[in-house]
């Protein structure tokens, strides 16, 4: 039996972003994301609401084929570190090998937010949020940073979240997802294209 129990009360709402741009053992990126969502439902023994699927150019440009992206909202009974470990285990099952900072992925499952937690503290969060792009490509945090420090920059995360939680309020900026999304450059928003109605 799973160590994660069905949520009746005392559960945290967590936001997860998924992406893939390489074929996995289970198929093309869209199929991989659907299988990963099913595995997440079973492993966490909880309800998972998922967004539609979107196609997005690989970032940075030229690092690989276009991505398929989606988002999920789950009610999770456990801590943020437990959920992160679960997401990492699912990536491994689908063939993810950690190494290159950005680029090709058979599956990327990122913990975007966990309730209203700001981890490990506000100072560290802001440090990683404000890191220049050149440093982002070279540095990886050695601890969980929440909310995800690049959330406000990523149309491929924000657009799927718009399907699920447009009124979710960022615990640091105080802005809703729909307000953060509206602040993105029009070019960034236009690059994220709907490809399937539901993951």
Protein backbone atom coordinates (compact mmCIF):
# COMPACT_ATOMS: atom_id res chain seq x y z
CA UNK A 1 0.00 0.00 0.00
CA UNK A 2 1.22 3.53 -0.78
CA UNK A 3 2.69 5.54 2.06
CA UNK A 4 0.65 8.48 0.78
CA UNK A 5 -2.93 8.44 2.02
CA UNK A 6 -6.10 9.66 0.36
CA UNK A 7 -6.72 13.23 1.45
CA UNK A 8 -9.78 13.96 3.51
CA UNK A 9 -8.40 16.81 5.61
CA UNK A 10 -5.10 18.46 6.49
CA UNK A 11 -3.86 18.24 2.91
CA UNK A 12 -1.82 20.79 1.02
CA UNK A 13 -2.68 21.90 -2.48
CA UNK A 14 0.40 21.47 -4.61
CA UNK A 15 1.09 22.68 -8.14
CA UNK A 16 3.25 20.59 -10.44
CA UNK A 17 4.56 21.34 -13.94
CA UNK A 18 5.35 18.55 -16.38
CA UNK A 19 7.29 18.66 -19.61
CA UNK A 20 8.86 16.27 -22.12
CA UNK A 21 10.54 16.60 -25.49
CA UNK A 22 12.07 13.14 -25.96
CA UNK A 23 10.48 9.75 -26.51
CA UNK A 24 10.39 7.62 -23.37
CA UNK A 25 9.99 3.87 -22.93
CA UNK A 26 6.23 4.47 -23.01
CA UNK A 27 6.05 6.60 -26.12
CA UNK A 28 6.07 10.15 -27.44
CA UNK A 29 6.12 13.15 -25.06
CA UNK A 30 2.32 13.56 -24.88
CA UNK A 31 1.88 9.88 -24.00
CA UNK A 32 4.68 10.10 -21.44
CA UNK A 33 3.00 13.01 -19.66
CA UNK A 34 -0.36 11.20 -19.57
CA UNK A 35 1.27 8.07 -18.15
CA UNK A 36 3.20 10.16 -15.61
CA UNK A 37 -0.01 11.82 -14.43
CA UNK A 38 -1.64 8.42 -14.01
CA UNK A 39 1.36 7.19 -12.06
CA UNK A 40 1.23 10.29 -9.87
CA UNK A 41 -2.44 9.63 -9.09
CA UNK A 42 -1.69 6.06 -8.07
CA UNK A 43 1.51 6.80 -6.15
CA UNK A 44 0.09 9.71 -4.17
CA UNK A 45 -3.30 7.96 -3.81
CA UNK A 46 -5.03 11.26 -4.38
CA UNK A 47 -7.00 13.29 -6.85
CA UNK A 48 -4.97 14.99 -9.56
CA UNK A 49 -6.49 17.68 -11.74
CA UNK A 50 -4.57 18.18 -14.95
CA UNK A 51 -4.42 20.90 -17.57
CA UNK A 52 -4.61 20.61 -21.30
CA UNK A 53 -1.42 19.81 -23.20
CA UNK A 54 0.62 22.54 -24.85
CA UNK A 55 3.53 22.72 -27.27
CA UNK A 56 6.37 25.09 -26.38
CA UNK A 57 9.77 25.83 -27.98
CA UNK A 58 12.67 24.37 -26.03
CA UNK A 59 14.40 26.83 -23.69
CA UNK A 60 17.04 28.06 -24.25
CA UNK A 61 16.48 28.14 -28.02
CA UNK A 62 18.37 25.45 -29.87
CA UNK A 63 18.78 23.10 -26.90
CA UNK A 64 16.39 20.51 -28.30
CA UNK A 65 13.00 19.76 -29.89
CA UNK A 66 9.81 21.51 -28.82
CA UNK A 67 8.34 20.49 -25.48
CA UNK A 68 4.94 19.15 -24.57
CA UNK A 69 3.89 20.82 -21.33
CA UNK A 70 1.11 20.37 -18.79
CA UNK A 71 0.35 21.22 -15.18
CA UNK A 72 -1.38 19.44 -12.34
CA UNK A 73 -2.96 20.37 -9.04
CA UNK A 74 -2.98 17.74 -6.33
CA UNK A 75 -4.14 17.47 -2.72
CA UNK A 76 -1.20 15.94 -0.93
CA UNK A 77 -1.01 14.53 2.58
CA UNK A 78 2.67 14.79 3.39
CA UNK A 79 5.43 17.34 3.20
CA UNK A 80 6.85 19.23 0.24
CA UNK A 81 10.09 17.23 0.42
CA UNK A 82 8.08 13.99 0.24
CA UNK A 83 6.26 15.19 -2.84
CA UNK A 84 9.51 16.32 -4.47
CA UNK A 85 11.02 12.87 -3.83
CA UNK A 86 7.94 11.26 -5.38
CA UNK A 87 8.24 13.46 -8.48
CA UNK A 88 11.93 12.60 -8.83
CA UNK A 89 11.15 8.88 -8.52
CA UNK A 90 8.56 9.18 -11.30
CA UNK A 91 11.11 10.92 -13.53
CA UNK A 92 13.53 8.03 -13.02
CA UNK A 93 10.87 5.44 -13.84
CA UNK A 94 10.32 7.16 -17.18
CA UNK A 95 14.06 7.26 -17.94
CA UNK A 96 15.12 10.72 -16.77
CA UNK A 97 18.85 11.02 -16.18
CA UNK A 98 19.87 14.19 -14.35
CA UNK A 99 22.88 15.98 -15.73
CA UNK A 100 22.43 18.77 -18.25
CA UNK A 101 20.86 21.87 -16.66
CA UNK A 102 18.42 22.48 -19.50
CA UNK A 103 17.69 20.81 -22.80
CA UNK A 104 16.38 17.37 -23.73
CA UNK A 105 14.11 15.54 -21.29
CA UNK A 106 12.11 12.34 -21.42
CA UNK A 107 10.21 13.78 -18.43
CA UNK A 108 10.55 16.83 -16.24
CA UNK A 109 8.27 17.02 -13.17
CA UNK A 110 8.78 20.22 -11.18
CA UNK A 111 7.20 21.15 -7.87
CA UNK A 112 5.96 24.71 -8.48
CA UNK A 113 4.18 25.49 -5.22
CA UNK A 114 3.12 23.74 -2.05
CA UNK A 115 0.32 25.54 -0.28
CA UNK A 116 1.58 28.97 0.69
CA UNK A 117 5.06 27.77 1.69
CA UNK A 118 8.09 29.96 0.97
CA UNK A 119 11.15 27.74 1.27
CA UNK A 120 13.70 27.64 2.70
CA UNK A 121 13.14 31.30 3.61
CA UNK A 122 12.24 34.56 1.91
CA UNK A 123 15.84 35.73 1.52
CA UNK A 124 16.95 32.54 -0.26
CA UNK A 125 13.84 32.51 -2.43
CA UNK A 126 14.51 36.07 -3.60
CA UNK A 127 18.17 35.30 -4.24
CA UNK A 128 17.27 32.50 -6.67
CA UNK A 129 14.35 34.43 -8.17
CA UNK A 130 16.63 37.36 -9.04
CA UNK A 131 19.55 35.29 -10.35
CA UNK A 132 20.66 36.49 -13.83
CA UNK A 133 19.95 34.10 -16.72
CA UNK A 134 23.67 33.53 -17.30
CA UNK A 135 24.03 32.27 -13.72
CA UNK A 136 20.85 30.19 -13.91
CA UNK A 137 22.48 28.11 -16.63
CA UNK A 138 25.45 27.32 -14.39
CA UNK A 139 24.01 27.09 -10.87
CA UNK A 140 21.57 24.61 -9.37
CA UNK A 141 20.14 25.06 -5.87
CA UNK A 142 21.05 22.30 -3.42
CA UNK A 143 17.75 22.64 -1.56
CA UNK A 144 14.07 22.97 -2.40
CA UNK A 145 13.08 26.53 -3.34
CA UNK A 146 9.37 27.33 -3.20
CA UNK A 147 7.50 28.73 -4.96
CA UNK A 148 9.54 27.83 -8.02
CA UNK A 149 11.79 30.90 -8.46
CA UNK A 150 11.34 31.00 -12.26
CA UNK A 151 7.54 30.66 -12.25
CA UNK A 152 6.90 34.29 -13.23
CA UNK A 153 9.20 33.97 -16.28
CA UNK A 154 7.81 30.79 -17.82
CA UNK A 155 4.85 30.90 -20.14
CA UNK A 156 5.08 27.12 -20.56
CA UNK A 157 4.28 26.76 -16.83
CA UNK A 158 1.87 29.65 -16.44
CA UNK A 159 -0.34 28.83 -19.45
CA UNK A 160 -1.19 25.29 -18.24
CA UNK A 161 -1.72 26.65 -14.72
CA UNK A 162 -4.23 29.11 -16.20
CA UNK A 163 -6.40 26.07 -17.01
CA UNK A 164 -6.42 25.02 -13.36
CA UNK A 165 -5.80 27.82 -10.90
CA UNK A 166 -5.95 31.27 -12.55
CA UNK A 167 -6.82 32.83 -9.19
CA UNK A 168 -4.04 31.14 -7.18
CA UNK A 169 -2.14 33.86 -5.32
CA UNK A 170 1.66 33.85 -5.28
CA UNK A 171 2.71 33.94 -1.60
CA UNK A 172 5.54 36.41 -2.23
CA UNK A 173 4.36 38.75 -5.01
CA UNK A 174 0.69 38.66 -4.01
CA UNK A 175 -0.26 38.38 -7.69
CA UNK A 176 -2.69 35.85 -9.12
CA UNK A 177 -1.57 33.41 -11.81
CA UNK A 178 -3.69 35.25 -14.38
CA UNK A 179 -2.02 38.55 -13.44
CA UNK A 180 1.47 37.07 -13.67
CA UNK A 181 0.61 35.48 -17.03
CA UNK A 182 -0.75 38.80 -18.34
CA UNK A 183 2.60 40.47 -17.55
CA UNK A 184 4.55 38.14 -19.84
CA UNK A 185 5.68 39.53 -23.20
CA UNK A 186 3.06 38.80 -25.90
CA UNK A 187 5.70 36.83 -27.86
CA UNK A 188 6.21 34.44 -24.92
CA UNK A 189 2.47 33.87 -24.55
CA UNK A 190 2.04 33.28 -28.29
CA UNK A 191 4.73 30.58 -28.36
CA UNK A 192 2.68 28.28 -26.09
CA UNK A 193 0.19 26.49 -28.34
CA UNK A 194 -2.65 24.17 -27.38
CA UNK A 195 -2.22 20.69 -28.81
CA UNK A 196 -4.65 18.46 -26.83
CA UNK A 197 -7.75 19.26 -24.86
CA UNK A 198 -6.89 17.29 -21.75
CA UNK A 199 -3.90 15.48 -20.33
